[in-house]
Amino acid sequence: MTLDTADQQEVLIVTGMSGAGRSTVANALEDLGWYVVDNLPPQMLRPLVDLAERAGGALPRLAAVVDVRGRDFFSDLQDIIEDLRSGIQLRMVFLEATDAALVRRFEQVRRPHPLQGNGTLLDGIGAERARMTPIRESSDIVIDTSDLNIHQLATLVAERFQAADTAGVQVTVMSFGFKYGAPSDADGIADCRFIPNPFWIPELRDKSGLDPEVSDYVLAQEGAEDFVENYAKALAPVLAGYQRENKRHATIAIGCTGGKHRSVAVARRLAELISTNPGVAVSVKHRDLGRE
């Protein structure tokens, strides 16, 4: 499902049972480019929407997590939602789960239910469920998370609320120099030190892989273009799998000795090739360029 936000501000209210996955949904929406505010008192919804509208196109998709942690403020939610619906594109998502699933999750984190008080965990769940029934009935979307793990829930959110122009995975192609250490945050590392080093060519030594003369030299060496093209082909199913598994960010590192010539040229060429994969947005970073 994709969203058309060209005409007006879109607001998503996320609510539901404690332990049903509100934090997971909030994080997933944030990864999709939504501006997310957690644990917002319902009375703050109107000022927040007004602020977003004054920001123009800077906040086209706004999500607010509203729940019983708002205590007495929460009782006004339905009236406030009805008032907001008359002026903006607003949807409310309700997350629910069975008592057994909620008990299991609260026991795993060893935290009391917010409405438990001096009673049992089931007392708190029952009190919340009774209080939330009218909210559930007026919600636009109800998601039962009983049988979903956090990754499955995040994937479901991506399928329902991803904008048409949101990439499935954001890839950073990073060049680096092995002499400065391999990057610890890379999802994949490739070594291009098999390519002859332009450092040993006097007219190329002071240039970098950003210069056409160096880039052309590097990619013209035997095996260089084959390496880049085959690596890009090998990454295609990986990046597709990242999207299926809801992995939204990936870093692919390309290393040479100093991170100035070969890795810079290869990283730029690799980024050009993998940018053609569906759902992939690519940026290039040269970690060690200029360190010599």
C-alpha atoms as a PDB file:
ATOM      1  CA  MET A   1       0.000   0.000   0.000  1.00  0.00           C
ATOM      2  CA  THR A   2       1.366   3.427  -0.880  1.00  0.00           C
ATOM      3  CA  LEU A   3       0.330   6.859   0.263  1.00  0.00           C
ATOM      4  CA  ASP A   4      -0.423   9.984  -1.725  1.00  0.00           C
ATOM      5  CA  THR A   5       0.556  12.947   0.412  1.00  0.00           C
ATOM      6  CA  ALA A   6       0.837  15.507  -2.337  1.00  0.00           C
ATOM      7  CA  ASP A   7      -2.382  17.345  -1.430  1.00  0.00           C
ATOM      8  CA  GLN A   8      -2.433  17.520   2.353  1.00  0.00           C
ATOM      9  CA  GLN A   9      -0.783  16.649   5.610  1.00  0.00           C
ATOM     10  CA  GLU A  10      -1.188  12.980   6.546  1.00  0.00           C
ATOM     11  CA  VAL A  11      -1.457  12.022  10.201  1.00  0.00           C
ATOM     12  CA  LEU A  12      -1.357   8.515  11.618  1.00  0.00           C
ATOM     13  CA  ILE A  13      -2.434   7.812  15.196  1.00  0.00           C
ATOM     14  CA  VAL A  14      -0.918   4.624  16.622  1.00  0.00           C
ATOM     15  CA  THR A  15      -2.641   3.225  19.684  1.00  0.00           C
ATOM     16  CA  GLY A  16      -3.708  -0.101  21.144  1.00  0.00           C
ATOM     17  CA  MET A  17      -2.912  -2.544  23.893  1.00  0.00           C
ATOM     18  CA  SER A  18       0.248  -2.226  25.938  1.00  0.00           C
ATOM     19  CA  GLY A  19       2.657  -4.906  24.788  1.00  0.00           C
ATOM     20  CA  ALA A  20       1.046  -5.229  21.364  1.00  0.00           C
ATOM     21  CA  GLY A  21       3.966  -3.648  19.504  1.00  0.00           C
ATOM     22  CA  ARG A  22       3.539   0.133  19.511  1.00  0.00           C
ATOM     23  CA  SER A  23       7.277   0.762  19.851  1.00  0.00           C
ATOM     24  CA  THR A  24       8.046  -1.599  16.978  1.00  0.00           C
ATOM     25  CA  VAL A  25       5.507   0.176  14.777  1.00  0.00           C
ATOM     26  CA  ALA A  26       6.878   3.595  15.761  1.00  0.00           C
ATOM     27  CA  ASN A  27      10.434   2.554  14.878  1.00  0.00           C
ATOM     28  CA  ALA A  28       9.322   1.062  11.564  1.00  0.00           C
ATOM     29  CA  LEU A  29       7.435   4.226  10.622  1.00  0.00           C
ATOM     30  CA  GLU A  30      10.461   6.342  11.494  1.00  0.00           C
ATOM     31  CA  ASP A  31      12.604   4.186   9.199  1.00  0.00           C
ATOM     32  CA  LEU A  32      10.067   4.863   6.438  1.00  0.00           C
ATOM     33  CA  GLY A  33      10.488   8.626   6.808  1.00  0.00           C
ATOM     34  CA  TRP A  34       7.538   9.422   9.074  1.00  0.00           C
ATOM     35  CA  TYR A  35       8.027  12.010  11.798  1.00  0.00           C
ATOM     36  CA  VAL A  36       7.101  10.043  14.920  1.00  0.00           C
ATOM     37  CA  VAL A  37       6.192  11.351  18.372  1.00  0.00           C
ATOM     38  CA  ASP A  38       5.834   8.763  21.129  1.00  0.00           C
ATOM     39  CA  ASN A  39       3.641   8.866  24.250  1.00  0.00           C
ATOM     40  CA  LEU A  40       1.862  12.057  23.214  1.00  0.00           C
ATOM     41  CA  PRO A  41      -1.066  13.279  25.347  1.00  0.00           C
ATOM     42  CA  PRO A  42      -4.114  13.518  23.048  1.00  0.00           C
ATOM     43  CA  GLN A  43      -4.507  17.211  23.909  1.00  0.00           C
ATOM     44  CA  MET A  44      -1.161  17.844  22.182  1.00  0.00           C
ATOM     45  CA  LEU A  45      -2.307  16.397  18.849  1.00  0.00           C
ATOM     46  CA  ARG A  46      -3.850  19.623  17.546  1.00  0.00           C
ATOM     47  CA  PRO A  47      -0.780  21.791  18.379  1.00  0.00           C
ATOM     48  CA  LEU A  48       1.450  19.131  16.803  1.00  0.00           C
ATOM     49  CA  VAL A  49      -0.621  19.043  13.603  1.00  0.00           C
ATOM     50  CA  ASP A  50      -0.664  22.845  13.450  1.00  0.00           C
ATOM     51  CA  LEU A  51       3.121  22.918  13.846  1.00  0.00           C
ATOM     52  CA  ALA A  52       3.544  20.352  11.061  1.00  0.00           C
ATOM     53  CA  GLU A  53       1.276  22.338   8.744  1.00  0.00           C
ATOM     54  CA  ARG A  54       3.299  25.499   9.359  1.00  0.00           C
ATOM     55  CA  ALA A  55       6.418  23.530   8.416  1.00  0.00           C
ATOM     56  CA  GLY A  56       4.986  23.166   4.904  1.00  0.00           C
ATOM     57  CA  GLY A  57       6.318  20.132   3.090  1.00  0.00           C
ATOM     58  CA  ALA A  58       8.991  19.420   5.698  1.00  0.00           C
ATOM     59  CA  LEU A  59       6.725  17.018   7.615  1.00  0.00           C
ATOM     60  CA  PRO A  60       4.336  15.463   5.082  1.00  0.00           C
ATOM     61  CA  ARG A  61       3.821  12.283   7.148  1.00  0.00           C
ATOM     62  CA  LEU A  62       3.282  12.600  10.873  1.00  0.00           C
ATOM     63  CA  ALA A  63       2.698   9.717  13.301  1.00  0.00           C
ATOM     64  CA  ALA A  64       1.798   9.980  16.984  1.00  0.00           C
ATOM     65  CA  VAL A  65       1.754   7.139  19.496  1.00  0.00           C
ATOM     66  CA  VAL A  66      -1.077   7.687  21.971  1.00  0.00           C
ATOM     67  CA  ASP A  67      -1.956   5.197  24.701  1.00  0.00           C
ATOM     68  CA  VAL A  68      -2.973   4.697  28.319  1.00  0.00           C
ATOM     69  CA  ARG A  69       0.383   5.979  29.524  1.00  0.00           C
ATOM     70  CA  GLY A  70      -1.296   9.366  29.030  1.00  0.00           C
ATOM     71  CA  ARG A  71      -3.416   8.475  32.073  1.00  0.00           C
ATOM     72  CA  ASP A  72      -6.426  10.765  32.546  1.00  0.00           C
ATOM     73  CA  PHE A  73      -5.529  12.685  29.387  1.00  0.00           C
ATOM     74  CA  PHE A  74      -6.284   9.566  27.339  1.00  0.00           C
ATOM     75  CA  SER A  75     -10.042   9.760  27.988  1.00  0.00           C
ATOM     76  CA  ASP A  76     -10.352  12.700  25.576  1.00  0.00           C
ATOM     77  CA  LEU A  77      -8.799  10.836  22.621  1.00  0.00           C
ATOM     78  CA  GLN A  78     -11.999   9.986  20.731  1.00  0.00           C
ATOM     79  CA  ASP A  79     -13.376  13.527  20.819  1.00  0.00           C
ATOM     80  CA  ILE A  80     -10.031  14.958  19.721  1.00  0.00           C
ATOM     81  CA  ILE A  81      -9.724  12.467  16.861  1.00  0.00           C
ATOM     82  CA  GLU A  82     -13.199  13.303  15.559  1.00  0.00           C
ATOM     83  CA  ASP A  83     -12.368  16.993  15.632  1.00  0.00           C
ATOM     84  CA  LEU A  84      -9.109  16.432  13.727  1.00  0.00           C
ATOM     85  CA  ARG A  85     -10.693  14.222  11.071  1.00  0.00           C
ATOM     86  CA  SER A  86     -12.699  17.151   9.727  1.00  0.00           C
ATOM     87  CA  GLY A  87      -9.605  19.040   8.586  1.00  0.00           C
ATOM     88  CA  ILE A  88      -6.806  16.607   7.749  1.00  0.00           C
ATOM     89  CA  GLN A  89      -6.136  13.174   6.285  1.00  0.00           C
ATOM     90  CA  LEU A  90      -6.055  11.103   9.471  1.00  0.00           C
ATOM     91  CA  ARG A  91      -6.071   7.382  10.149  1.00  0.00           C
ATOM     92  CA  MET A  92      -5.937   5.524  13.432  1.00  0.00           C
ATOM     93  CA  VAL A  93      -4.135   2.203  13.776  1.00  0.00           C
ATOM     94  CA  PHE A  94      -5.052  -0.055  16.672  1.00  0.00           C
ATOM     95  CA  LEU A  95      -2.673  -2.813  17.791  1.00  0.00           C
ATOM     96  CA  GLU A  96      -4.086  -5.736  19.717  1.00  0.00           C
ATOM     97  CA  ALA A  97      -3.023  -9.190  20.880  1.00  0.00           C
ATOM     98  CA  THR A  98      -4.473 -12.023  22.889  1.00  0.00           C
ATOM     99  CA  ASP A  99      -4.186 -12.049  26.670  1.00  0.00           C
ATOM    100  CA  ALA A 100      -1.788 -15.010  26.450  1.00  0.00           C
ATOM    101  CA  ALA A 101       0.506 -13.165  24.040  1.00  0.00           C
ATOM    102  CA  LEU A 102       0.493 -10.009  26.160  1.00  0.00           C
ATOM    103  CA  VAL A 103       1.217 -11.942  29.366  1.00  0.00           C
ATOM    104  CA  ARG A 104       4.139 -13.684  27.679  1.00  0.00           C
ATOM    105  CA  ARG A 105       5.609 -10.384  26.469  1.00  0.00           C
ATOM    106  CA  PHE A 106       5.270  -8.643  29.833  1.00  0.00           C
ATOM    107  CA  GLU A 107       6.883 -11.607  31.572  1.00  0.00           C
ATOM    108  CA  GLN A 108       9.778 -11.502  29.107  1.00  0.00           C
ATOM    109  CA  VAL A 109      10.550  -7.846  29.870  1.00  0.00           C
ATOM    110  CA  ARG A 110       9.688  -8.218  33.578  1.00  0.00           C
ATOM    111  CA  ARG A 111       7.720  -5.005  33.741  1.00  0.00           C
ATOM    112  CA  PRO A 112       4.272  -4.391  35.266  1.00  0.00           C
ATOM    113  CA  HIS A 113       1.281  -3.429  33.163  1.00  0.00           C
ATOM    114  CA  PRO A 114       0.609   0.343  33.342  1.00  0.00           C
ATOM    115  CA  LEU A 115      -2.924  -0.298  34.704  1.00  0.00           C
ATOM    116  CA  GLN A 116      -2.008  -3.212  36.937  1.00  0.00           C
ATOM    117  CA  GLY A 117      -1.756  -1.267  40.176  1.00  0.00           C
ATOM    118  CA  ASN A 118      -1.904  -3.670  43.119  1.00  0.00           C
ATOM    119  CA  GLY A 119      -3.645  -6.348  41.048  1.00  0.00           C
ATOM    120  CA  THR A 120      -2.335  -9.041  38.740  1.00  0.00           C
ATOM    121  CA  LEU A 121      -0.989  -8.694  35.223  1.00  0.00           C
ATOM    122  CA  LEU A 122      -4.261 -10.046  33.835  1.00  0.00           C
ATOM    123  CA  ASP A 123      -6.172  -7.476  35.899  1.00  0.00           C
ATOM    124  CA  GLY A 124      -4.230  -4.711  34.168  1.00  0.00           C
ATOM    125  CA  ILE A 125      -4.738  -6.210  30.717  1.00  0.00           C
ATOM    126  CA  GLY A 126      -8.460  -6.627  31.348  1.00  0.00           C
ATOM    127  CA  ALA A 127      -8.837  -3.051  32.560  1.00  0.00           C
ATOM    128  CA  GLU A 128      -7.020  -1.711  29.524  1.00  0.00           C
ATOM    129  CA  ARG A 129      -8.987  -3.855  27.094  1.00  0.00           C
ATOM    130  CA  ALA A 130     -12.281  -2.573  28.505  1.00  0.00           C
ATOM    131  CA  ARG A 131     -11.049   0.991  28.308  1.00  0.00           C
ATOM    132  CA  MET A 132      -9.765   0.579  24.757  1.00  0.00           C
ATOM    133  CA  THR A 133     -12.852  -1.102  23.259  1.00  0.00           C
ATOM    134  CA  PRO A 134     -14.468   2.128  21.963  1.00  0.00           C
ATOM    135  CA  ILE A 135     -11.124   3.238  20.496  1.00  0.00           C
ATOM    136  CA  ARG A 136     -10.688  -0.086  18.734  1.00  0.00           C
ATOM    137  CA  GLU A 137     -14.178   0.123  17.231  1.00  0.00           C
ATOM    138  CA  SER A 138     -13.508   3.568  15.772  1.00  0.00           C
ATOM    139  CA  SER A 139     -10.037   2.721  14.396  1.00  0.00           C
ATOM    140  CA  ASP A 140      -9.388   2.601  10.658  1.00  0.00           C
ATOM    141  CA  ILE A 141      -6.922  -0.280  10.831  1.00  0.00           C
ATOM    142  CA  VAL A 142      -6.731  -3.063  13.437  1.00  0.00           C
ATOM    143  CA  ILE A 143      -3.609  -5.246  13.523  1.00  0.00           C
ATOM    144  CA  ASP A 144      -3.488  -8.398  15.633  1.00  0.00           C
ATOM    145  CA  THR A 145       0.154  -8.965  16.552  1.00  0.00           C
ATOM    146  CA  SER A 146      -0.359 -12.146  18.604  1.00  0.00           C
ATOM    147  CA  ASP A 147       1.501 -14.366  16.150  1.00  0.00           C
ATOM    148  CA  LEU A 148       3.947 -11.761  14.785  1.00  0.00           C
ATOM    149  CA  ASN A 149       7.536 -11.259  15.881  1.00  0.00           C
ATOM    150  CA  ILE A 150       9.041  -7.782  15.743  1.00  0.00           C
ATOM    151  CA  HIS A 151      10.530  -8.337  12.270  1.00  0.00           C
ATOM    152  CA  GLN A 152       7.239  -9.566  10.822  1.00  0.00           C
ATOM    153  CA  LEU A 153       5.393  -6.619  12.346  1.00  0.00           C
ATOM    154  CA  ALA A 154       7.931  -4.141  10.954  1.00  0.00           C
ATOM    155  CA  THR A 155       7.578  -5.726   7.510  1.00  0.00           C
ATOM    156  CA  LEU A 156       3.787  -5.459   7.725  1.00  0.00           C
ATOM    157  CA  VAL A 157       4.083  -1.760   8.596  1.00  0.00           C
ATOM    158  CA  ALA A 158       6.409  -1.210   5.632  1.00  0.00           C
ATOM    159  CA  GLU A 159       3.944  -2.899   3.285  1.00  0.00           C
ATOM    160  CA  ARG A 160       1.020  -0.793   4.494  1.00  0.00           C
ATOM    161  CA  PHE A 161       2.564   2.611   5.107  1.00  0.00           C
ATOM    162  CA  GLN A 162       5.589   2.966   2.834  1.00  0.00           C
ATOM    163  CA  ALA A 163       5.347   5.960   0.515  1.00  0.00           C
ATOM    164  CA  ALA A 164       5.825   5.396  -3.192  1.00  0.00           C
ATOM    165  CA  ASP A 165       9.100   7.334  -3.161  1.00  0.00           C
ATOM    166  CA  THR A 166      10.583   5.578  -0.117  1.00  0.00           C
ATOM    167  CA  ALA A 167      13.428   3.199  -0.904  1.00  0.00           C
ATOM    168  CA  GLY A 168      13.229  -0.329   0.444  1.00  0.00           C
ATOM    169  CA  VAL A 169      16.870  -0.221   1.508  1.00  0.00           C
ATOM    170  CA  GLN A 170      19.316   2.666   1.835  1.00  0.00           C
ATOM    171  CA  VAL A 171      22.787   1.527   0.756  1.00  0.00           C
ATOM    172  CA  THR A 172      26.003   3.357   1.563  1.00  0.00           C
ATOM    173  CA  VAL A 173      28.930   2.332  -0.605  1.00  0.00           C
ATOM    174  CA  MET A 174      32.056   3.291   1.350  1.00  0.00           C
ATOM    175  CA  SER A 175      35.638   3.420   0.119  1.00  0.00           C
ATOM    176  CA  PHE A 176      38.361   2.999   2.731  1.00  0.00           C
ATOM    177  CA  GLY A 177      42.066   2.279   3.211  1.00  0.00           C
ATOM    178  CA  PHE A 178      43.115  -0.956   4.876  1.00  0.00           C
ATOM    179  CA  LYS A 179      46.067   0.792   6.460  1.00  0.00           C
ATOM    180  CA  TYR A 180      43.600   2.809   8.534  1.00  0.00           C
ATOM    181  CA  GLY A 181      41.616  -0.292   9.533  1.00  0.00           C
ATOM    182  CA  ALA A 182      38.541  -1.935   8.078  1.00  0.00           C
ATOM    183  CA  PRO A 183      35.183  -0.313   8.960  1.00  0.00           C
ATOM    184  CA  SER A 184      33.466  -2.111  11.845  1.00  0.00           C
ATOM    185  CA  ASP A 185      29.947  -1.210  10.718  1.00  0.00           C
ATOM    186  CA  ALA A 186      30.142  -2.633   7.179  1.00  0.00           C
ATOM    187  CA  ASP A 187      27.705  -5.358   6.113  1.00  0.00           C
ATOM    188  CA  GLY A 188      30.102  -6.462   3.388  1.00  0.00           C
ATOM    189  CA  ILE A 189      33.762  -5.756   2.604  1.00  0.00           C
ATOM    190  CA  ALA A 190      35.511  -6.236  -0.740  1.00  0.00           C
ATOM    191  CA  ASP A 191      39.239  -5.904  -1.415  1.00  0.00           C
ATOM    192  CA  CYS A 192      40.369  -4.235  -4.647  1.00  0.00           C
ATOM    193  CA  ARG A 193      44.095  -4.290  -3.904  1.00  0.00           C
ATOM    194  CA  PHE A 194      44.524  -6.787  -6.762  1.00  0.00           C
ATOM    195  CA  ILE A 195      44.261  -3.823  -9.154  1.00  0.00           C
ATOM    196  CA  PRO A 196      47.585  -2.090  -9.981  1.00  0.00           C
ATOM    197  CA  ASN A 197      48.027   0.950  -7.743  1.00  0.00           C
ATOM    198  CA  PRO A 198      47.946   4.367  -9.472  1.00  0.00           C
ATOM    199  CA  PHE A 199      50.145   5.643  -6.619  1.00  0.00           C
ATOM    200  CA  TRP A 200      53.147   4.336  -8.534  1.00  0.00           C
ATOM    201  CA  ILE A 201      52.336   6.388 -11.626  1.00  0.00           C
ATOM    202  CA  PRO A 202      53.811   9.872 -11.086  1.00  0.00           C
ATOM    203  CA  GLU A 203      51.150  11.775 -13.014  1.00  0.00           C
ATOM    204  CA  LEU A 204      48.345  10.027 -11.062  1.00  0.00           C
ATOM    205  CA  ARG A 205      49.896   9.908  -7.574  1.00  0.00           C
ATOM    206  CA  ASP A 206      48.555  13.264  -6.381  1.00  0.00           C
ATOM    207  CA  LYS A 207      45.126  12.724  -7.882  1.00  0.00           C
ATOM    208  CA  SER A 208      42.328  10.573  -6.454  1.00  0.00           C
ATOM    209  CA  GLY A 209      39.711   8.142  -7.679  1.00  0.00           C
ATOM    210  CA  LEU A 210      37.379  11.120  -8.093  1.00  0.00           C
ATOM    211  CA  ASP A 211      39.507  12.332 -11.005  1.00  0.00           C
ATOM    212  CA  PRO A 212      38.558  10.870 -14.410  1.00  0.00           C
ATOM    213  CA  GLU A 213      42.183  10.054 -15.244  1.00  0.00           C
ATOM    214  CA  VAL A 214      42.504   7.835 -12.149  1.00  0.00           C
ATOM    215  CA  SER A 215      39.065   6.288 -12.469  1.00  0.00           C
ATOM    216  CA  ASP A 216      39.620   5.434 -16.128  1.00  0.00           C
ATOM    217  CA  TYR A 217      43.024   3.908 -15.323  1.00  0.00           C
ATOM    218  CA  VAL A 218      41.680   1.780 -12.445  1.00  0.00           C
ATOM    219  CA  LEU A 219      38.656   0.419 -14.281  1.00  0.00           C
ATOM    220  CA  ALA A 220      40.688  -0.294 -17.422  1.00  0.00           C
ATOM    221  CA  GLN A 221      42.997  -2.710 -15.583  1.00  0.00           C
ATOM    222  CA  GLU A 222      42.593  -6.416 -16.247  1.00  0.00           C
ATOM    223  CA  GLY A 223      39.760  -7.886 -14.174  1.00  0.00           C
ATOM    224  CA  ALA A 224      38.671  -4.585 -12.620  1.00  0.00           C
ATOM    225  CA  GLU A 225      35.426  -4.064 -14.530  1.00  0.00           C
ATOM    226  CA  ASP A 226      34.602  -7.772 -14.313  1.00  0.00           C
ATOM    227  CA  PHE A 227      35.088  -7.606 -10.554  1.00  0.00           C
ATOM    228  CA  VAL A 228      32.761  -4.629 -10.131  1.00  0.00           C
ATOM    229  CA  GLU A 229      30.060  -5.971 -12.419  1.00  0.00           C
ATOM    230  CA  ASN A 230      30.094  -9.445 -10.860  1.00  0.00           C
ATOM    231  CA  TYR A 231      30.055  -8.004  -7.346  1.00  0.00           C
ATOM    232  CA  ALA A 232      27.053  -5.845  -8.260  1.00  0.00           C
ATOM    233  CA  LYS A 233      25.268  -8.941  -9.604  1.00  0.00           C
ATOM    234  CA  ALA A 234      26.094 -10.850  -6.412  1.00  0.00           C
ATOM    235  CA  LEU A 235      24.681  -8.038  -4.298  1.00  0.00           C
ATOM    236  CA  ALA A 236      21.362  -7.914  -6.185  1.00  0.00           C
ATOM    237  CA  PRO A 237      19.767 -10.903  -4.387  1.00  0.00           C
ATOM    238  CA  VAL A 238      21.297  -9.744  -1.109  1.00  0.00           C
ATOM    239  CA  LEU A 239      19.684  -6.312  -1.362  1.00  0.00           C
ATOM    240  CA  ALA A 240      16.381  -7.869  -2.398  1.00  0.00           C
ATOM    241  CA  GLY A 241      16.588 -10.128   0.649  1.00  0.00           C
ATOM    242  CA  TYR A 242      17.347  -7.155   2.901  1.00  0.00           C
ATOM    243  CA  GLN A 243      14.089  -5.593   1.739  1.00  0.00           C
ATOM    244  CA  ARG A 244      12.123  -8.770   2.403  1.00  0.00           C
ATOM    245  CA  GLU A 245      13.638  -9.008   5.880  1.00  0.00           C
ATOM    246  CA  ASN A 246      12.980  -5.319   6.569  1.00  0.00           C
ATOM    247  CA  LYS A 247      16.671  -4.428   6.847  1.00  0.00           C
ATOM    248  CA  ARG A 248      16.490  -0.767   5.849  1.00  0.00           C
ATOM    249  CA  HIS A 249      20.147   0.245   5.865  1.00  0.00           C
ATOM    250  CA  ALA A 250      23.267  -1.449   4.513  1.00  0.00           C
ATOM    251  CA  THR A 251      26.917  -0.458   4.161  1.00  0.00           C
ATOM    252  CA  ILE A 252      29.101  -2.030   1.482  1.00  0.00           C
ATOM    253  CA  ALA A 253      32.782  -1.218   1.948  1.00  0.00           C
ATOM    254  CA  ILE A 254      35.439  -1.285  -0.785  1.00  0.00           C
ATOM    255  CA  GLY A 255      39.056  -1.203   0.375  1.00  0.00           C
ATOM    256  CA  CYS A 256      42.468  -0.527  -1.110  1.00  0.00           C
ATOM    257  CA  THR A 257      45.729   0.352   0.622  1.00  0.00           C
ATOM    258  CA  GLY A 258      45.193   4.030   1.395  1.00  0.00           C
ATOM    259  CA  GLY A 259      41.594   4.687   0.367  1.00  0.00           C
ATOM    260  CA  LYS A 260      42.571   7.308  -2.203  1.00  0.00           C
ATOM    261  CA  HIS A 261      42.701   5.804  -5.684  1.00  0.00           C
ATOM    262  CA  ARG A 262      41.400   2.292  -6.396  1.00  0.00           C
ATOM    263  CA  SER A 263      38.700   1.959  -3.739  1.00  0.00           C
ATOM    264  CA  VAL A 264      37.315   5.409  -4.548  1.00  0.00           C
ATOM    265  CA  ALA A 265      36.999   4.642  -8.256  1.00  0.00           C
ATOM    266  CA  VAL A 266      35.554   1.169  -7.661  1.00  0.00           C
ATOM    267  CA  ALA A 267      33.079   2.395  -5.023  1.00  0.00           C
ATOM    268  CA  ARG A 268      31.706   5.004  -7.401  1.00  0.00           C
ATOM    269  CA  ARG A 269      31.303   2.474 -10.192  1.00  0.00           C
ATOM    270  CA  LEU A 270      29.677  -0.076  -7.870  1.00  0.00           C
ATOM    271  CA  ALA A 271      27.218   2.531  -6.591  1.00  0.00           C
ATOM    272  CA  GLU A 272      26.285   3.356 -10.166  1.00  0.00           C
ATOM    273  CA  LEU A 273      25.542  -0.289 -10.923  1.00  0.00           C
ATOM    274  CA  ILE A 274      23.552  -1.235  -7.804  1.00  0.00           C
ATOM    275  CA  SER A 275      21.458   1.929  -7.969  1.00  0.00           C
ATOM    276  CA  THR A 276      19.533   0.265 -10.797  1.00  0.00           C
ATOM    277  CA  ASN A 277      18.161  -2.412  -8.426  1.00  0.00           C
ATOM    278  CA  PRO A 278      14.455  -1.951  -7.558  1.00  0.00           C
ATOM    279  CA  GLY A 279      13.819  -0.320  -4.199  1.00  0.00           C
ATOM    280  CA  VAL A 280      17.462   0.626  -3.626  1.00  0.00           C
ATOM    281  CA  ALA A 281      18.734   4.139  -2.876  1.00  0.00           C
ATOM    282  CA  VAL A 282      22.505   4.570  -2.932  1.00  0.00           C
ATOM    283  CA  SER A 283      24.918   7.090  -1.467  1.00  0.00           C
ATOM    284  CA  VAL A 284      28.715   7.070  -1.642  1.00  0.00           C
ATOM    285  CA  LYS A 285      31.108   7.866   1.195  1.00  0.00           C
ATOM    286  CA  HIS A 286      34.900   8.067   0.945  1.00  0.00           C
ATOM    287  CA  ARG A 287      36.034   7.479   4.508  1.00  0.00           C
ATOM    288  CA  ASP A 288      39.767   7.968   4.158  1.00  0.00           C
ATOM    289  CA  LEU A 289      40.049  10.317   1.205  1.00  0.00           C
ATOM    290  CA  GLY A 290      42.332  13.201   2.200  1.00  0.00           C
ATOM    291  CA  ARG A 291      43.906  11.431   5.195  1.00  0.00           C
ATOM    292  CA  GLU A 292      47.271  10.877   3.539  1.00  0.00           C
END
